[in-house]
PDB file of N, CA and C in Angstrom:
ATOM      1  N   MET A   1      -5.907  -1.995  -7.648  1.00  0.00           N
ATOM      2  CA  MET A   1      -5.672  -0.948  -6.681  1.00  0.00           C
ATOM      3  C   MET A   1      -4.187  -0.826  -6.362  1.00  0.00           C
ATOM      4  N   ASN A   2      -3.558  -1.965  -6.162  1.00  0.00           N
ATOM      5  CA  ASN A   2      -2.135  -1.978  -5.845  1.00  0.00           C
ATOM      6  C   ASN A   2      -1.330  -1.301  -6.956  1.00  0.00           C
ATOM      7  N   ASN A   3      -1.619  -1.663  -8.192  1.00  0.00           N
ATOM      8  CA  ASN A   3      -0.896  -1.074  -9.316  1.00  0.00           C
ATOM      9  C   ASN A   3      -1.147   0.422  -9.428  1.00  0.00           C
ATOM     10  N   LEU A   4      -2.377   0.843  -9.200  1.00  0.00           N
ATOM     11  CA  LEU A   4      -2.699   2.263  -9.257  1.00  0.00           C
ATOM     12  C   LEU A   4      -1.960   3.021  -8.150  1.00  0.00           C
ATOM     13  N   ALA A   5      -1.905   2.455  -6.963  1.00  0.00           N
ATOM     14  CA  ALA A   5      -1.182   3.096  -5.868  1.00  0.00           C
ATOM     15  C   ALA A   5       0.294   3.266  -6.222  1.00  0.00           C
ATOM     16  N   HIS A   6       0.887   2.247  -6.816  1.00  0.00           N
ATOM     17  CA  HIS A   6       2.292   2.348  -7.230  1.00  0.00           C
ATOM     18  C   HIS A   6       2.468   3.414  -8.314  1.00  0.00           C
ATOM     19  N   THR A   7       1.534   3.483  -9.235  1.00  0.00           N
ATOM     20  CA  THR A   7       1.600   4.496 -10.295  1.00  0.00           C
ATOM     21  C   THR A   7       1.515   5.893  -9.695  1.00  0.00           C
ATOM     22  N   TRP A   8       0.573   6.090  -8.802  1.00  0.00           N
ATOM     23  CA  TRP A   8       0.437   7.401  -8.149  1.00  0.00           C
ATOM     24  C   TRP A   8       1.705   7.757  -7.379  1.00  0.00           C
ATOM     25  N   GLN A   9       2.302   6.790  -6.718  1.00  0.00           N
ATOM     26  CA  GLN A   9       3.541   7.030  -5.966  1.00  0.00           C
ATOM     27  C   GLN A   9       4.640   7.513  -6.908  1.00  0.00           C
ATOM     28  N   ARG A  10       4.774   6.843  -8.051  1.00  0.00           N
ATOM     29  CA  ARG A  10       5.795   7.240  -9.024  1.00  0.00           C
ATOM     30  C   ARG A  10       5.507   8.614  -9.620  1.00  0.00           C
ATOM     31  N   MET A  11       4.245   8.989  -9.684  1.00  0.00           N
ATOM     32  CA  MET A  11       3.860  10.299 -10.233  1.00  0.00           C
ATOM     33  C   MET A  11       4.009  11.426  -9.201  1.00  0.00           C
ATOM     34  N   GLY A  12       4.362  11.082  -7.976  1.00  0.00           N
ATOM     35  CA  GLY A  12       4.522  12.083  -6.939  1.00  0.00           C
ATOM     36  C   GLY A  12       3.267  12.343  -6.133  1.00  0.00           C
ATOM     37  N   MET A  13       2.227  11.583  -6.374  1.00  0.00           N
ATOM     38  CA  MET A  13       0.974  11.732  -5.622  1.00  0.00           C
ATOM     39  C   MET A  13       1.064  10.868  -4.362  1.00  0.00           C
ATOM     40  N   VAL A  14       1.986  11.238  -3.491  1.00  0.00           N
ATOM     41  CA  VAL A  14       2.392  10.392  -2.375  1.00  0.00           C
ATOM     42  C   VAL A  14       1.250  10.169  -1.375  1.00  0.00           C
ATOM     43  N   LEU A  15       0.571  11.214  -0.975  1.00  0.00           N
ATOM     44  CA  LEU A  15      -0.499  11.061   0.013  1.00  0.00           C
ATOM     45  C   LEU A  15      -1.650  10.220  -0.528  1.00  0.00           C
ATOM     46  N   GLU A  16      -2.032  10.475  -1.771  1.00  0.00           N
ATOM     47  CA  GLU A  16      -3.107   9.710  -2.397  1.00  0.00           C
ATOM     48  C   GLU A  16      -2.719   8.242  -2.536  1.00  0.00           C
ATOM     49  N   ALA A  17      -1.473   8.004  -2.941  1.00  0.00           N
ATOM     50  CA  ALA A  17      -0.987   6.635  -3.108  1.00  0.00           C
ATOM     51  C   ALA A  17      -0.989   5.898  -1.778  1.00  0.00           C
ATOM     52  N   THR A  18      -0.573   6.583  -0.731  1.00  0.00           N
ATOM     53  CA  THR A  18      -0.533   5.968   0.594  1.00  0.00           C
ATOM     54  C   THR A  18      -1.935   5.628   1.079  1.00  0.00           C
ATOM     55  N   GLN A  19      -2.864   6.519   0.869  1.00  0.00           N
ATOM     56  CA  GLN A  19      -4.248   6.249   1.264  1.00  0.00           C
ATOM     57  C   GLN A  19      -4.821   5.063   0.494  1.00  0.00           C
ATOM     58  N   LEU A  20      -4.548   5.017  -0.792  1.00  0.00           N
ATOM     59  CA  LEU A  20      -5.038   3.908  -1.604  1.00  0.00           C
ATOM     60  C   LEU A  20      -4.393   2.588  -1.177  1.00  0.00           C
ATOM     61  N   MET A  21      -3.106   2.624  -0.857  1.00  0.00           N
ATOM     62  CA  MET A  21      -2.438   1.403  -0.407  1.00  0.00           C
ATOM     63  C   MET A  21      -2.996   0.949   0.934  1.00  0.00           C
ATOM     64  N   ARG A  22      -3.367   1.874   1.802  1.00  0.00           N
ATOM     65  CA  ARG A  22      -4.008   1.491   3.077  1.00  0.00           C
ATOM     66  C   ARG A  22      -5.302   0.714   2.806  1.00  0.00           C
ATOM     67  N   GLU A  23      -6.080   1.209   1.854  1.00  0.00           N
ATOM     68  CA  GLU A  23      -7.329   0.520   1.500  1.00  0.00           C
ATOM     69  C   GLU A  23      -7.024  -0.840   0.875  1.00  0.00           C
ATOM     70  N   CYS A  24      -5.997  -0.901   0.062  1.00  0.00           N
ATOM     71  CA  CYS A  24      -5.595  -2.165  -0.565  1.00  0.00           C
ATOM     72  C   CYS A  24      -5.204  -3.183   0.505  1.00  0.00           C
ATOM     73  N   VAL A  25      -4.440  -2.738   1.490  1.00  0.00           N
ATOM     74  CA  VAL A  25      -4.042  -3.629   2.586  1.00  0.00           C
ATOM     75  C   VAL A  25      -5.274  -4.121   3.336  1.00  0.00           C
ATOM     76  N   ARG A  26      -6.186  -3.207   3.629  1.00  0.00           N
ATOM     77  CA  ARG A  26      -7.399  -3.579   4.364  1.00  0.00           C
ATOM     78  C   ARG A  26      -8.182  -4.649   3.607  1.00  0.00           C
ATOM     79  N   LEU A  27      -8.370  -4.439   2.315  1.00  0.00           N
ATOM     80  CA  LEU A  27      -9.129  -5.390   1.511  1.00  0.00           C
ATOM     81  C   LEU A  27      -8.402  -6.728   1.365  1.00  0.00           C
ATOM     82  N   ARG A  28      -7.097  -6.669   1.179  1.00  0.00           N
ATOM     83  CA  ARG A  28      -6.338  -7.913   1.042  1.00  0.00           C
ATOM     84  C   ARG A  28      -6.361  -8.713   2.335  1.00  0.00           C
ATOM     85  N   GLN A  29      -6.276  -8.020   3.483  1.00  0.00           N
ATOM     86  CA  GLN A  29      -6.363  -8.735   4.757  1.00  0.00           C
ATOM     87  C   GLN A  29      -7.711  -9.426   4.878  1.00  0.00           C
ATOM     88  N   HIS A  30      -8.754  -8.731   4.476  1.00  0.00           N
ATOM     89  CA  HIS A  30     -10.108  -9.287   4.578  1.00  0.00           C
ATOM     90  C   HIS A  30     -10.317 -10.463   3.621  1.00  0.00           C
ATOM     91  N   LYS A  31      -9.877 -10.303   2.376  1.00  0.00           N
ATOM     92  CA  LYS A  31     -10.149 -11.322   1.350  1.00  0.00           C
ATOM     93  C   LYS A  31      -9.110 -12.449   1.311  1.00  0.00           C
ATOM     94  N   LEU A  32      -7.830 -12.096   1.517  1.00  0.00           N
ATOM     95  CA  LEU A  32      -6.763 -13.081   1.346  1.00  0.00           C
ATOM     96  C   LEU A  32      -6.186 -13.582   2.669  1.00  0.00           C
ATOM     97  N   GLY A  33      -6.327 -12.787   3.709  1.00  0.00           N
ATOM     98  CA  GLY A  33      -5.754 -13.144   5.010  1.00  0.00           C
ATOM     99  C   GLY A  33      -4.389 -12.512   5.202  1.00  0.00           C
ATOM    100  N   LEU A  34      -3.963 -12.478   6.466  1.00  0.00           N
ATOM    101  CA  LEU A  34      -2.706 -11.830   6.815  1.00  0.00           C
ATOM    102  C   LEU A  34      -1.472 -12.561   6.298  1.00  0.00           C
ATOM    103  N   ASN A  35      -1.565 -13.859   6.106  1.00  0.00           N
ATOM    104  CA  ASN A  35      -0.385 -14.641   5.731  1.00  0.00           C
ATOM    105  C   ASN A  35      -0.193 -14.801   4.231  1.00  0.00           C
ATOM    106  N   HIS A  36      -1.076 -14.225   3.435  1.00  0.00           N
ATOM    107  CA  HIS A  36      -0.941 -14.325   1.977  1.00  0.00           C
ATOM    108  C   HIS A  36       0.211 -13.433   1.512  1.00  0.00           C
ATOM    109  N   SER A  37       0.941 -13.896   0.518  1.00  0.00           N
ATOM    110  CA  SER A  37       2.111 -13.156   0.041  1.00  0.00           C
ATOM    111  C   SER A  37       1.747 -11.774  -0.514  1.00  0.00           C
ATOM    112  N   HIS A  38       0.603 -11.641  -1.148  1.00  0.00           N
ATOM    113  CA  HIS A  38       0.199 -10.335  -1.678  1.00  0.00           C
ATOM    114  C   HIS A  38      -0.118  -9.367  -0.549  1.00  0.00           C
ATOM    115  N   THR A  39      -0.764  -9.869   0.490  1.00  0.00           N
ATOM    116  CA  THR A  39      -1.059  -9.028   1.653  1.00  0.00           C
ATOM    117  C   THR A  39       0.230  -8.574   2.308  1.00  0.00           C
ATOM    118  N   LYS A  40       1.152  -9.499   2.498  1.00  0.00           N
ATOM    119  CA  LYS A  40       2.435  -9.165   3.124  1.00  0.00           C
ATOM    120  C   LYS A  40       3.208  -8.138   2.288  1.00  0.00           C
ATOM    121  N   ALA A  41       3.178  -8.282   0.982  1.00  0.00           N
ATOM    122  CA  ALA A  41       3.876  -7.338   0.103  1.00  0.00           C
ATOM    123  C   ALA A  41       3.258  -5.950   0.207  1.00  0.00           C
ATOM    124  N   SER A  42       1.949  -5.879   0.253  1.00  0.00           N
ATOM    125  CA  SER A  42       1.271  -4.583   0.372  1.00  0.00           C
ATOM    126  C   SER A  42       1.552  -3.928   1.716  1.00  0.00           C
ATOM    127  N   ILE A  43       1.577  -4.717   2.776  1.00  0.00           N
ATOM    128  CA  ILE A  43       1.896  -4.181   4.101  1.00  0.00           C
ATOM    129  C   ILE A  43       3.318  -3.630   4.119  1.00  0.00           C
ATOM    130  N   SER A  44       4.229  -4.353   3.527  1.00  0.00           N
ATOM    131  CA  SER A  44       5.619  -3.908   3.468  1.00  0.00           C
ATOM    132  C   SER A  44       5.754  -2.604   2.681  1.00  0.00           C
ATOM    133  N   THR A  45       5.078  -2.537   1.555  1.00  0.00           N
ATOM    134  CA  THR A  45       5.097  -1.319   0.746  1.00  0.00           C
ATOM    135  C   THR A  45       4.524  -0.153   1.528  1.00  0.00           C
ATOM    136  N   LEU A  46       3.389  -0.367   2.163  1.00  0.00           N
ATOM    137  CA  LEU A  46       2.759   0.691   2.952  1.00  0.00           C
ATOM    138  C   LEU A  46       3.696   1.154   4.070  1.00  0.00           C
ATOM    139  N   ASP A  47       4.323   0.229   4.751  1.00  0.00           N
ATOM    140  CA  ASP A  47       5.272   0.593   5.811  1.00  0.00           C
ATOM    141  C   ASP A  47       6.400   1.461   5.266  1.00  0.00           C
ATOM    142  N   ASP A  48       6.932   1.094   4.110  1.00  0.00           N
ATOM    143  CA  ASP A  48       8.000   1.884   3.488  1.00  0.00           C
ATOM    144  C   ASP A  48       7.527   3.288   3.159  1.00  0.00           C
ATOM    145  N   TRP A  49       6.357   3.393   2.568  1.00  0.00           N
ATOM    146  CA  TRP A  49       5.840   4.701   2.175  1.00  0.00           C
ATOM    147  C   TRP A  49       5.563   5.581   3.381  1.00  0.00           C
ATOM    148  N   VAL A  50       4.990   4.999   4.429  1.00  0.00           N
ATOM    149  CA  VAL A  50       4.677   5.767   5.641  1.00  0.00           C
ATOM    150  C   VAL A  50       5.968   6.243   6.290  1.00  0.00           C
ATOM    151  N   SER A  51       6.987   5.398   6.326  1.00  0.00           N
ATOM    152  CA  SER A  51       8.255   5.808   6.933  1.00  0.00           C
ATOM    153  C   SER A  51       8.902   6.935   6.120  1.00  0.00           C
ATOM    154  N   GLN A  52       8.738   6.940   4.816  1.00  0.00           N
ATOM    155  CA  GLN A  52       9.261   8.015   3.977  1.00  0.00           C
ATOM    156  C   GLN A  52       8.531   9.332   4.229  1.00  0.00           C
ATOM    157  N   LEU A  53       7.262   9.255   4.535  1.00  0.00           N
ATOM    158  CA  LEU A  53       6.483  10.461   4.819  1.00  0.00           C
ATOM    159  C   LEU A  53       6.915  11.113   6.128  1.00  0.00           C
ATOM    160  N   GLN A  54       7.442  10.331   7.037  1.00  0.00           N
ATOM    161  CA  GLN A  54       7.782  10.830   8.356  1.00  0.00           C
ATOM    162  C   GLN A  54       9.188  11.413   8.424  1.00  0.00           C
ATOM    163  N   ILE A  55       9.895  11.432   7.316  1.00  0.00           N
ATOM    164  CA  ILE A  55      11.257  11.983   7.283  1.00  0.00           C
ATOM    165  C   ILE A  55      11.216  13.489   7.330  1.00  0.00           C
TER     166      ILE A  55
END
């Protein structure tokens, strides 16, 4: 999911990528926990993408 979200982002499918990354974050928090490095990386990516949308 994470890789697909990044691919969509690079293709310009920004809203779809952001929605998919939100789901990825939700699942990673549930399965891996908040302190896992993959979860933290996904949260950081999502934060960056959301801040770009608000420009």
